[in-house]
Amino acid sequence: MISTLAHSFQRFLLGKIAELGVTNSQKQQIYAILREARSAIQPLVAQYLQERRTLRKAIHTAPLNEQAIRAQAASRASRGRSRRKMGACFGADPDGAYPGASGETETAR
């Protein structure tokens, strides 16, 4: 499952890179950051997937247990900090901004 997630993330990332028109130098920087952060992010991704599976299982149990679904959904919502942890792995500040992110891109050469 993690490899499937990795592949879909790679497709997403490659699409965004093409859409933004980043330079080859910027691409190399992106890949270097991702390689450095991989070991820190993998446990967080595994935790996210487990929570998602647990919520899905709670939703599809018969008979429906609304209290269990609400509890699991609240648990997932409270774990928004996991996304902040992942952002921190990439050098984001607590507000989600990344170093050097000015919102502008260089024109592809």
PDB file of N, CA and C in Angstrom:
ATOM      1  N   MET A   1       0.815  -1.191   0.000  1.00  0.00           N
ATOM      2  CA  MET A   1       0.000   0.000   0.000  1.00  0.00           C
ATOM      3  C   MET A   1       0.867   1.266   0.000  1.00  0.00           C
ATOM      4  N   ILE A   2       1.958   1.233   0.780  1.00  0.00           N
ATOM      5  CA  ILE A   2       2.818   2.403   0.830  1.00  0.00           C
ATOM      6  C   ILE A   2       3.453   2.647  -0.531  1.00  0.00           C
ATOM      7  N   SER A   3       3.824   1.563  -1.227  1.00  0.00           N
ATOM      8  CA  SER A   3       4.424   1.764  -2.540  1.00  0.00           C
ATOM      9  C   SER A   3       3.409   2.362  -3.515  1.00  0.00           C
ATOM     10  N   THR A   4       2.137   1.982  -3.400  1.00  0.00           N
ATOM     11  CA  THR A   4       1.097   2.568  -4.244  1.00  0.00           C
ATOM     12  C   THR A   4       0.945   4.044  -3.934  1.00  0.00           C
ATOM     13  N   LEU A   5       0.967   4.372  -2.644  1.00  0.00           N
ATOM     14  CA  LEU A   5       0.884   5.771  -2.244  1.00  0.00           C
ATOM     15  C   LEU A   5       2.086   6.541  -2.768  1.00  0.00           C
ATOM     16  N   ALA A   6       3.254   5.927  -2.686  1.00  0.00           N
ATOM     17  CA  ALA A   6       4.470   6.581  -3.173  1.00  0.00           C
ATOM     18  C   ALA A   6       4.364   6.858  -4.663  1.00  0.00           C
ATOM     19  N   HIS A   7       3.847   5.881  -5.408  1.00  0.00           N
ATOM     20  CA  HIS A   7       3.731   6.073  -6.853  1.00  0.00           C
ATOM     21  C   HIS A   7       2.720   7.166  -7.185  1.00  0.00           C
ATOM     22  N   SER A   8       1.596   7.204  -6.466  1.00  0.00           N
ATOM     23  CA  SER A   8       0.620   8.256  -6.760  1.00  0.00           C
ATOM     24  C   SER A   8       1.175   9.621  -6.369  1.00  0.00           C
ATOM     25  N   PHE A   9       1.951   9.680  -5.290  1.00  0.00           N
ATOM     26  CA  PHE A   9       2.582  10.942  -4.897  1.00  0.00           C
ATOM     27  C   PHE A   9       3.604  11.373  -5.947  1.00  0.00           C
ATOM     28  N   GLN A  10       4.356  10.409  -6.469  1.00  0.00           N
ATOM     29  CA  GLN A  10       5.344  10.728  -7.501  1.00  0.00           C
ATOM     30  C   GLN A  10       4.663  11.276  -8.747  1.00  0.00           C
ATOM     31  N   ARG A  11       3.551  10.657  -9.145  1.00  0.00           N
ATOM     32  CA  ARG A  11       2.815  11.154 -10.311  1.00  0.00           C
ATOM     33  C   ARG A  11       2.293  12.564 -10.047  1.00  0.00           C
ATOM     34  N   PHE A  12       1.753  12.772  -8.837  1.00  0.00           N
ATOM     35  CA  PHE A  12       1.260  14.092  -8.460  1.00  0.00           C
ATOM     36  C   PHE A  12       2.393  15.114  -8.507  1.00  0.00           C
ATOM     37  N   LEU A  13       3.524  14.761  -7.905  1.00  0.00           N
ATOM     38  CA  LEU A  13       4.658  15.673  -7.840  1.00  0.00           C
ATOM     39  C   LEU A  13       5.199  15.998  -9.230  1.00  0.00           C
ATOM     40  N   LEU A  14       5.343  14.977 -10.063  1.00  0.00           N
ATOM     41  CA  LEU A  14       5.834  15.208 -11.423  1.00  0.00           C
ATOM     42  C   LEU A  14       4.878  16.097 -12.211  1.00  0.00           C
ATOM     43  N   GLY A  15       3.585  15.898 -12.008  1.00  0.00           N
ATOM     44  CA  GLY A  15       2.596  16.747 -12.680  1.00  0.00           C
ATOM     45  C   GLY A  15       2.704  18.195 -12.236  1.00  0.00           C
ATOM     46  N   LYS A  16       2.858  18.398 -10.924  1.00  0.00           N
ATOM     47  CA  LYS A  16       2.988  19.763 -10.400  1.00  0.00           C
ATOM     48  C   LYS A  16       4.279  20.423 -10.878  1.00  0.00           C
ATOM     49  N   ILE A  17       5.350  19.651 -10.900  1.00  0.00           N
ATOM     50  CA  ILE A  17       6.629  20.188 -11.375  1.00  0.00           C
ATOM     51  C   ILE A  17       6.492  20.648 -12.817  1.00  0.00           C
ATOM     52  N   ALA A  18       5.856  19.834 -13.643  1.00  0.00           N
ATOM     53  CA  ALA A  18       5.659  20.206 -15.043  1.00  0.00           C
ATOM     54  C   ALA A  18       4.757  21.433 -15.154  1.00  0.00           C
ATOM     55  N   GLU A  19       3.715  21.469 -14.331  1.00  0.00           N
ATOM     56  CA  GLU A  19       2.761  22.577 -14.342  1.00  0.00           C
ATOM     57  C   GLU A  19       3.428  23.900 -13.943  1.00  0.00           C
ATOM     58  N   LEU A  20       4.331  23.837 -12.970  1.00  0.00           N
ATOM     59  CA  LEU A  20       4.993  25.046 -12.487  1.00  0.00           C
ATOM     60  C   LEU A  20       6.144  25.493 -13.380  1.00  0.00           C
ATOM     61  N   GLY A  21       6.648  24.605 -14.194  1.00  0.00           N
ATOM     62  CA  GLY A  21       7.739  24.953 -15.087  1.00  0.00           C
ATOM     63  C   GLY A  21       9.044  25.222 -14.355  1.00  0.00           C
ATOM     64  N   VAL A  22       9.361  24.366 -13.375  1.00  0.00           N
ATOM     65  CA  VAL A  22      10.594  24.575 -12.624  1.00  0.00           C
ATOM     66  C   VAL A  22      11.809  24.203 -13.468  1.00  0.00           C
ATOM     67  N   THR A  23      12.927  24.785 -13.104  1.00  0.00           N
ATOM     68  CA  THR A  23      14.166  24.517 -13.834  1.00  0.00           C
ATOM     69  C   THR A  23      14.749  23.177 -13.402  1.00  0.00           C
ATOM     70  N   ASN A  24      15.727  22.691 -14.162  1.00  0.00           N
ATOM     71  CA  ASN A  24      16.385  21.431 -13.802  1.00  0.00           C
ATOM     72  C   ASN A  24      17.072  21.546 -12.448  1.00  0.00           C
ATOM     73  N   SER A  25      17.642  22.688 -12.168  1.00  0.00           N
ATOM     74  CA  SER A  25      18.292  22.916 -10.882  1.00  0.00           C
ATOM     75  C   SER A  25      17.281  22.815  -9.740  1.00  0.00           C
ATOM     76  N   GLN A  26      16.104  23.395  -9.939  1.00  0.00           N
ATOM     77  CA  GLN A  26      15.059  23.323  -8.921  1.00  0.00           C
ATOM     78  C   GLN A  26      14.569  21.886  -8.736  1.00  0.00           C
ATOM     79  N   LYS A  27      14.460  21.148  -9.844  1.00  0.00           N
ATOM     80  CA  LYS A  27      14.055  19.741  -9.755  1.00  0.00           C
ATOM     81  C   LYS A  27      15.049  18.958  -8.902  1.00  0.00           C
ATOM     82  N   GLN A  28      16.328  19.184  -9.129  1.00  0.00           N
ATOM     83  CA  GLN A  28      17.348  18.478  -8.358  1.00  0.00           C
ATOM     84  C   GLN A  28      17.248  18.835  -6.884  1.00  0.00           C
ATOM     85  N   GLN A  29      16.960  20.091  -6.574  1.00  0.00           N
ATOM     86  CA  GLN A  29      16.803  20.504  -5.183  1.00  0.00           C
ATOM     87  C   GLN A  29      15.590  19.825  -4.549  1.00  0.00           C
ATOM     88  N   ILE A  30      14.491  19.743  -5.281  1.00  0.00           N
ATOM     89  CA  ILE A  30      13.282  19.082  -4.774  1.00  0.00           C
ATOM     90  C   ILE A  30      13.575  17.623  -4.459  1.00  0.00           C
ATOM     91  N   TYR A  31      14.204  16.932  -5.388  1.00  0.00           N
ATOM     92  CA  TYR A  31      14.489  15.513  -5.179  1.00  0.00           C
ATOM     93  C   TYR A  31      15.464  15.297  -4.018  1.00  0.00           C
ATOM     94  N   ALA A  32      16.428  16.186  -3.856  1.00  0.00           N
ATOM     95  CA  ALA A  32      17.369  16.075  -2.737  1.00  0.00           C
ATOM     96  C   ALA A  32      16.641  16.241  -1.407  1.00  0.00           C
ATOM     97  N   ILE A  33      15.731  17.200  -1.330  1.00  0.00           N
ATOM     98  CA  ILE A  33      14.957  17.412  -0.098  1.00  0.00           C
ATOM     99  C   ILE A  33      14.098  16.195   0.199  1.00  0.00           C
ATOM    100  N   LEU A  34      13.453  15.640  -0.816  1.00  0.00           N
ATOM    101  CA  LEU A  34      12.606  14.454  -0.618  1.00  0.00           C
ATOM    102  C   LEU A  34      13.422  13.257  -0.152  1.00  0.00           C
ATOM    103  N   ARG A  35      14.611  13.067  -0.736  1.00  0.00           N
ATOM    104  CA  ARG A  35      15.465  11.951  -0.310  1.00  0.00           C
ATOM    105  C   ARG A  35      15.881  12.103   1.141  1.00  0.00           C
ATOM    106  N   GLU A  36      16.247  13.323   1.544  1.00  0.00           N
ATOM    107  CA  GLU A  36      16.676  13.564   2.927  1.00  0.00           C
ATOM    108  C   GLU A  36      15.538  13.336   3.917  1.00  0.00           C
ATOM    109  N   ALA A  37      14.318  13.667   3.530  1.00  0.00           N
ATOM    110  CA  ALA A  37      13.183  13.593   4.450  1.00  0.00           C
ATOM    111  C   ALA A  37      12.498  12.230   4.460  1.00  0.00           C
ATOM    112  N   ARG A  38      12.861  11.353   3.553  1.00  0.00           N
ATOM    113  CA  ARG A  38      12.163  10.077   3.397  1.00  0.00           C
ATOM    114  C   ARG A  38      12.069   9.274   4.695  1.00  0.00           C
ATOM    115  N   SER A  39      13.166   9.125   5.415  1.00  0.00           N
ATOM    116  CA  SER A  39      13.143   8.287   6.622  1.00  0.00           C
ATOM    117  C   SER A  39      12.280   8.901   7.720  1.00  0.00           C
ATOM    118  N   ALA A  40      12.182  10.207   7.770  1.00  0.00           N
ATOM    119  CA  ALA A  40      11.352  10.853   8.788  1.00  0.00           C
ATOM    120  C   ALA A  40       9.874  10.796   8.424  1.00  0.00           C
ATOM    121  N   ILE A  41       9.573  10.772   7.145  1.00  0.00           N
ATOM    122  CA  ILE A  41       8.187  10.833   6.706  1.00  0.00           C
ATOM    123  C   ILE A  41       7.526   9.456   6.648  1.00  0.00           C
ATOM    124  N   GLN A  42       8.280   8.407   6.359  1.00  0.00           N
ATOM    125  CA  GLN A  42       7.682   7.081   6.200  1.00  0.00           C
ATOM    126  C   GLN A  42       6.840   6.640   7.402  1.00  0.00           C
ATOM    127  N   PRO A  43       7.294   6.815   8.664  1.00  0.00           N
ATOM    128  CA  PRO A  43       6.432   6.412   9.783  1.00  0.00           C
ATOM    129  C   PRO A  43       5.152   7.245   9.869  1.00  0.00           C
ATOM    130  N   LEU A  44       5.227   8.514   9.502  1.00  0.00           N
ATOM    131  CA  LEU A  44       4.039   9.362   9.531  1.00  0.00           C
ATOM    132  C   LEU A  44       3.039   8.935   8.467  1.00  0.00           C
ATOM    133  N   VAL A  45       3.536   8.555   7.303  1.00  0.00           N
ATOM    134  CA  VAL A  45       2.655   8.079   6.241  1.00  0.00           C
ATOM    135  C   VAL A  45       2.009   6.764   6.656  1.00  0.00           C
ATOM    136  N   ALA A  46       2.765   5.879   7.266  1.00  0.00           N
ATOM    137  CA  ALA A  46       2.219   4.602   7.735  1.00  0.00           C
ATOM    138  C   ALA A  46       1.129   4.843   8.775  1.00  0.00           C
ATOM    139  N   GLN A  47       1.346   5.790   9.677  1.00  0.00           N
ATOM    140  CA  GLN A  47       0.347   6.124  10.698  1.00  0.00           C
ATOM    141  C   GLN A  47      -0.917   6.681  10.033  1.00  0.00           C
ATOM    142  N   TYR A  48      -0.743   7.559   9.078  1.00  0.00           N
ATOM    143  CA  TYR A  48      -1.878   8.136   8.358  1.00  0.00           C
ATOM    144  C   TYR A  48      -2.691   7.042   7.669  1.00  0.00           C
ATOM    145  N   LEU A  49      -2.005   6.131   7.000  1.00  0.00           N
ATOM    146  CA  LEU A  49      -2.715   5.051   6.305  1.00  0.00           C
ATOM    147  C   LEU A  49      -3.467   4.161   7.270  1.00  0.00           C
ATOM    148  N   GLN A  50      -2.865   3.861   8.428  1.00  0.00           N
ATOM    149  CA  GLN A  50      -3.531   3.025   9.423  1.00  0.00           C
ATOM    150  C   GLN A  50      -4.787   3.717   9.954  1.00  0.00           C
ATOM    151  N   GLU A  51      -4.693   5.001  10.225  1.00  0.00           N
ATOM    152  CA  GLU A  51      -5.858   5.743  10.707  1.00  0.00           C
ATOM    153  C   GLU A  51      -6.962   5.792   9.655  1.00  0.00           C
ATOM    154  N   ARG A  52      -6.566   5.946   8.407  1.00  0.00           N
ATOM    155  CA  ARG A  52      -7.549   5.978   7.325  1.00  0.00           C
ATOM    156  C   ARG A  52      -8.258   4.633   7.201  1.00  0.00           C
ATOM    157  N   ARG A  53      -7.485   3.543   7.312  1.00  0.00           N
ATOM    158  CA  ARG A  53      -8.088   2.204   7.245  1.00  0.00           C
ATOM    159  C   ARG A  53      -9.044   1.982   8.410  1.00  0.00           C
ATOM    160  N   THR A  54      -8.650   2.430   9.602  1.00  0.00           N
ATOM    161  CA  THR A  54      -9.490   2.258  10.785  1.00  0.00           C
ATOM    162  C   THR A  54     -10.798   3.013  10.615  1.00  0.00           C
ATOM    163  N   LEU A  55     -10.737   4.235  10.110  1.00  0.00           N
ATOM    164  CA  LEU A  55     -11.954   5.012   9.876  1.00  0.00           C
ATOM    165  C   LEU A  55     -12.834   4.338   8.827  1.00  0.00           C
ATOM    166  N   ARG A  56     -12.216   3.886   7.751  1.00  0.00           N
ATOM    167  CA  ARG A  56     -12.986   3.202   6.703  1.00  0.00           C
ATOM    168  C   ARG A  56     -13.672   1.957   7.258  1.00  0.00           C
ATOM    169  N   LYS A  57     -12.965   1.200   8.092  1.00  0.00           N
ATOM    170  CA  LYS A  57     -13.542  -0.003   8.700  1.00  0.00           C
ATOM    171  C   LYS A  57     -14.714   0.376   9.596  1.00  0.00           C
ATOM    172  N   ALA A  58     -14.575   1.453  10.375  1.00  0.00           N
ATOM    173  CA  ALA A  58     -15.664   1.902  11.254  1.00  0.00           C
ATOM    174  C   ALA A  58     -16.881   2.323  10.444  1.00  0.00           C
ATOM    175  N   ILE A  59     -16.657   2.940   9.304  1.00  0.00           N
ATOM    176  CA  ILE A  59     -17.766   3.400   8.461  1.00  0.00           C
ATOM    177  C   ILE A  59     -18.524   2.224   7.858  1.00  0.00           C
ATOM    178  N   HIS A  60     -17.797   1.156   7.496  1.00  0.00           N
ATOM    179  CA  HIS A  60     -18.416   0.039   6.776  1.00  0.00           C
ATOM    180  C   HIS A  60     -18.828  -1.130   7.662  1.00  0.00           C
ATOM    181  N   THR A  61     -18.778  -0.973   8.973  1.00  0.00           N
ATOM    182  CA  THR A  61     -19.222  -2.065   9.836  1.00  0.00           C
ATOM    183  C   THR A  61     -20.744  -2.078   9.897  1.00  0.00           C
ATOM    184  N   ALA A  62     -21.267  -3.264  10.087  1.00  0.00           N
ATOM    185  CA  ALA A  62     -22.714  -3.401  10.249  1.00  0.00           C
ATOM    186  C   ALA A  62     -22.963  -4.031  11.611  1.00  0.00           C
ATOM    187  N   PRO A  63     -23.832  -3.547  12.407  1.00  0.00           N
ATOM    188  CA  PRO A  63     -24.620  -2.331  12.219  1.00  0.00           C
ATOM    189  C   PRO A  63     -23.761  -1.089  12.409  1.00  0.00           C
ATOM    190  N   LEU A  64     -24.219  -0.013  11.828  1.00  0.00           N
ATOM    191  CA  LEU A  64     -23.495   1.250  11.862  1.00  0.00           C
ATOM    192  C   LEU A  64     -23.350   1.739  13.301  1.00  0.00           C
ATOM    193  N   ASN A  65     -22.126   2.095  13.676  1.00  0.00           N
ATOM    194  CA  ASN A  65     -21.847   2.605  15.019  1.00  0.00           C
ATOM    195  C   ASN A  65     -21.387   4.061  14.878  1.00  0.00           C
ATOM    196  N   GLU A  66     -22.352   4.966  14.942  1.00  0.00           N
ATOM    197  CA  GLU A  66     -22.049   6.378  14.718  1.00  0.00           C
ATOM    198  C   GLU A  66     -21.042   6.910  15.732  1.00  0.00           C
ATOM    199  N   GLN A  67     -21.136   6.461  16.966  1.00  0.00           N
ATOM    200  CA  GLN A  67     -20.223   6.932  18.001  1.00  0.00           C
ATOM    201  C   GLN A  67     -18.774   6.544  17.674  1.00  0.00           C
ATOM    202  N   ALA A  68     -18.569   5.325  17.191  1.00  0.00           N
ATOM    203  CA  ALA A  68     -17.222   4.881  16.827  1.00  0.00           C
ATOM    204  C   ALA A  68     -16.693   5.678  15.641  1.00  0.00           C
ATOM    205  N   ILE A  69     -17.553   5.968  14.677  1.00  0.00           N
ATOM    206  CA  ILE A  69     -17.141   6.742  13.505  1.00  0.00           C
ATOM    207  C   ILE A  69     -16.744   8.150  13.929  1.00  0.00           C
ATOM    208  N   ARG A  70     -17.565   8.765  14.774  1.00  0.00           N
ATOM    209  CA  ARG A  70     -17.254  10.122  15.244  1.00  0.00           C
ATOM    210  C   ARG A  70     -15.951  10.149  16.037  1.00  0.00           C
ATOM    211  N   ALA A  71     -15.737   9.134  16.861  1.00  0.00           N
ATOM    212  CA  ALA A  71     -14.513   9.082  17.657  1.00  0.00           C
ATOM    213  C   ALA A  71     -13.288   8.947  16.765  1.00  0.00           C
ATOM    214  N   GLN A  72     -13.369   8.080  15.769  1.00  0.00           N
ATOM    215  CA  GLN A  72     -12.232   7.892  14.868  1.00  0.00           C
ATOM    216  C   GLN A  72     -12.002   9.138  14.017  1.00  0.00           C
ATOM    217  N   ALA A  73     -13.079   9.758  13.559  1.00  0.00           N
ATOM    218  CA  ALA A  73     -12.939  10.984  12.760  1.00  0.00           C
ATOM    219  C   ALA A  73     -12.319  12.102  13.602  1.00  0.00           C
ATOM    220  N   ALA A  74     -12.734  12.208  14.859  1.00  0.00           N
ATOM    221  CA  ALA A  74     -12.158  13.221  15.747  1.00  0.00           C
ATOM    222  C   ALA A  74     -10.685  12.931  16.000  1.00  0.00           C
ATOM    223  N   SER A  75     -10.353  11.667  16.137  1.00  0.00           N
ATOM    224  CA  SER A  75      -8.958  11.278  16.349  1.00  0.00           C
ATOM    225  C   SER A  75      -8.106  11.683  15.151  1.00  0.00           C
ATOM    226  N   ARG A  76      -8.618  11.425  13.954  1.00  0.00           N
ATOM    227  CA  ARG A  76      -7.881  11.807  12.741  1.00  0.00           C
ATOM    228  C   ARG A  76      -7.755  13.311  12.626  1.00  0.00           C
ATOM    229  N   ALA A  77      -8.823  14.025  12.970  1.00  0.00           N
ATOM    230  CA  ALA A  77      -8.788  15.485  12.878  1.00  0.00           C
ATOM    231  C   ALA A  77      -7.775  16.065  13.858  1.00  0.00           C
ATOM    232  N   SER A  78      -7.678  15.453  15.025  1.00  0.00           N
ATOM    233  CA  SER A  78      -6.735  15.965  16.021  1.00  0.00           C
ATOM    234  C   SER A  78      -5.297  15.681  15.619  1.00  0.00           C
ATOM    235  N   ARG A  79      -5.123  14.803  14.679  1.00  0.00           N
ATOM    236  CA  ARG A  79      -3.777  14.462  14.241  1.00  0.00           C
ATOM    237  C   ARG A  79      -3.304  15.353  13.096  1.00  0.00           C
ATOM    238  N   GLY A  80      -3.927  16.491  12.929  1.00  0.00           N
ATOM    239  CA  GLY A  80      -3.461  17.452  11.935  1.00  0.00           C
ATOM    240  C   GLY A  80      -2.009  17.803  12.196  1.00  0.00           C
ATOM    241  N   ARG A  81      -1.593  17.559  13.421  1.00  0.00           N
ATOM    242  CA  ARG A  81      -0.195  17.819  13.759  1.00  0.00           C
ATOM    243  C   ARG A  81       0.734  16.919  12.954  1.00  0.00           C
ATOM    244  N   SER A  82       0.256  15.771  12.500  1.00  0.00           N
ATOM    245  CA  SER A  82       1.087  14.896  11.672  1.00  0.00           C
ATOM    246  C   SER A  82       1.472  15.597  10.375  1.00  0.00           C
ATOM    247  N   ARG A  83       0.516  16.354   9.825  1.00  0.00           N
ATOM    248  CA  ARG A  83       0.826  17.101   8.606  1.00  0.00           C
ATOM    249  C   ARG A  83       1.866  18.172   8.902  1.00  0.00           C
ATOM    250  N   ARG A  84       1.755  18.794  10.075  1.00  0.00           N
ATOM    251  CA  ARG A  84       2.753  19.794  10.445  1.00  0.00           C
ATOM    252  C   ARG A  84       4.111  19.133  10.640  1.00  0.00           C
ATOM    253  N   LYS A  85       4.116  17.910  11.197  1.00  0.00           N
ATOM    254  CA  LYS A  85       5.381  17.184  11.367  1.00  0.00           C
ATOM    255  C   LYS A  85       6.000  16.901  10.005  1.00  0.00           C
ATOM    256  N   MET A  86       5.155  16.487   9.049  1.00  0.00           N
ATOM    257  CA  MET A  86       5.670  16.208   7.712  1.00  0.00           C
ATOM    258  C   MET A  86       6.227  17.477   7.096  1.00  0.00           C
ATOM    259  N   GLY A  87       5.528  18.601   7.273  1.00  0.00           N
ATOM    260  CA  GLY A  87       6.017  19.870   6.755  1.00  0.00           C
ATOM    261  C   GLY A  87       7.340  20.246   7.391  1.00  0.00           C
ATOM    262  N   ALA A  88       7.476  19.958   8.690  1.00  0.00           N
ATOM    263  CA  ALA A  88       8.727  20.268   9.387  1.00  0.00           C
ATOM    264  C   ALA A  88       9.878  19.448   8.817  1.00  0.00           C
ATOM    265  N   CYS A  89       9.573  18.241   8.347  1.00  0.00           N
ATOM    266  CA  CYS A  89      10.618  17.412   7.734  1.00  0.00           C
ATOM    267  C   CYS A  89      11.183  18.078   6.488  1.00  0.00           C
ATOM    268  N   PHE A  90      10.362  18.899   5.850  1.00  0.00           N
ATOM    269  CA  PHE A  90      10.794  19.601   4.643  1.00  0.00           C
ATOM    270  C   PHE A  90      11.256  21.015   4.938  1.00  0.00           C
ATOM    271  N   GLY A  91      11.271  21.408   6.198  1.00  0.00           N
ATOM    272  CA  GLY A  91      11.757  22.732   6.558  1.00  0.00           C
ATOM    273  C   GLY A  91      10.688  23.799   6.593  1.00  0.00           C
ATOM    274  N   ALA A  92       9.413  23.408   6.679  1.00  0.00           N
ATOM    275  CA  ALA A  92       8.329  24.395   6.734  1.00  0.00           C
ATOM    276  C   ALA A  92       8.234  24.983   8.129  1.00  0.00           C
ATOM    277  N   ASP A  93       7.802  26.218   8.210  1.00  0.00           N
ATOM    278  CA  ASP A  93       7.547  26.792   9.527  1.00  0.00           C
ATOM    279  C   ASP A  93       6.154  26.341   9.981  1.00  0.00           C
ATOM    280  N   PRO A  94       5.744  26.617  11.227  1.00  0.00           N
ATOM    281  CA  PRO A  94       4.453  26.138  11.715  1.00  0.00           C
ATOM    282  C   PRO A  94       3.248  26.599  10.900  1.00  0.00           C
ATOM    283  N   ASP A  95       3.369  27.699  10.173  1.00  0.00           N
ATOM    284  CA  ASP A  95       2.264  28.178   9.347  1.00  0.00           C
ATOM    285  C   ASP A  95       2.211  27.489   7.998  1.00  0.00           C
ATOM    286  N   GLY A  96       3.177  26.608   7.714  1.00  0.00           N
ATOM    287  CA  GLY A  96       3.181  25.853   6.468  1.00  0.00           C
ATOM    288  C   GLY A  96       3.997  26.472   5.362  1.00  0.00           C
ATOM    289  N   ALA A  97       4.651  27.595   5.629  1.00  0.00           N
ATOM    290  CA  ALA A  97       5.473  28.228   4.590  1.00  0.00           C
ATOM    291  C   ALA A  97       6.818  27.528   4.516  1.00  0.00           C
ATOM    292  N   TYR A  98       7.350  27.404   3.340  1.00  0.00           N
ATOM    293  CA  TYR A  98       8.618  26.740   3.137  1.00  0.00           C
ATOM    294  C   TYR A  98       9.699  27.781   2.875  1.00  0.00           C
ATOM    295  N   PRO A  99      10.929  27.486   3.294  1.00  0.00           N
ATOM    296  CA  PRO A  99      11.991  28.456   3.084  1.00  0.00           C
ATOM    297  C   PRO A  99      12.194  28.760   1.606  1.00  0.00           C
ATOM    298  N   GLY A 100      12.294  30.021   1.280  1.00  0.00           N
ATOM    299  CA  GLY A 100      12.513  30.418  -0.103  1.00  0.00           C
ATOM    300  C   GLY A 100      11.270  30.380  -0.963  1.00  0.00           C
ATOM    301  N   ALA A 101      10.113  30.075  -0.364  1.00  0.00           N
ATOM    302  CA  ALA A 101       8.871  29.996  -1.138  1.00  0.00           C
ATOM    303  C   ALA A 101       8.257  31.378  -1.250  1.00  0.00           C
ATOM    304  N   SER A 102       8.455  32.013  -2.385  1.00  0.00           N
ATOM    305  CA  SER A 102       7.912  33.360  -2.572  1.00  0.00           C
ATOM    306  C   SER A 102       6.641  33.341  -3.397  1.00  0.00           C
ATOM    307  N   GLY A 103       6.264  32.154  -3.865  1.00  0.00           N
ATOM    308  CA  GLY A 103       5.080  32.052  -4.695  1.00  0.00           C
ATOM    309  C   GLY A 103       5.368  32.286  -6.163  1.00  0.00           C
ATOM    310  N   GLU A 104       6.611  32.587  -6.485  1.00  0.00           N
ATOM    311  CA  GLU A 104       6.988  32.829  -7.871  1.00  0.00           C
ATOM    312  C   GLU A 104       7.863  31.675  -8.350  1.00  0.00           C
ATOM    313  N   THR A 105       7.832  31.411  -9.617  1.00  0.00           N
ATOM    314  CA  THR A 105       8.689  30.384 -10.188  1.00  0.00           C
ATOM    315  C   THR A 105       9.557  31.010 -11.259  1.00  0.00           C
ATOM    316  N   GLU A 106      10.680  30.370 -11.485  1.00  0.00           N
ATOM    317  CA  GLU A 106      11.537  30.832 -12.564  1.00  0.00           C
ATOM    318  C   GLU A 106      10.972  30.345 -13.885  1.00  0.00           C
ATOM    319  N   THR A 107      11.205  31.073 -14.902  1.00  0.00           N
ATOM    320  CA  THR A 107      10.759  30.662 -16.224  1.00  0.00           C
ATOM    321  C   THR A 107      11.653  29.517 -16.706  1.00  0.00           C
ATOM    322  N   ALA A 108      11.021  28.469 -17.220  1.00  0.00           N
ATOM    323  CA  ALA A 108      11.805  27.334 -17.722  1.00  0.00           C
ATOM    324  C   ALA A 108      12.641  27.791 -18.895  1.00  0.00           C
ATOM    325  N   ARG A 109      13.857  27.319 -18.924  1.00  0.00           N
ATOM    326  CA  ARG A 109      14.775  27.718 -19.992  1.00  0.00           C
ATOM    327  C   ARG A 109      14.797  26.706 -21.095  1.00  0.00           C
TER     328      ARG A 109
END
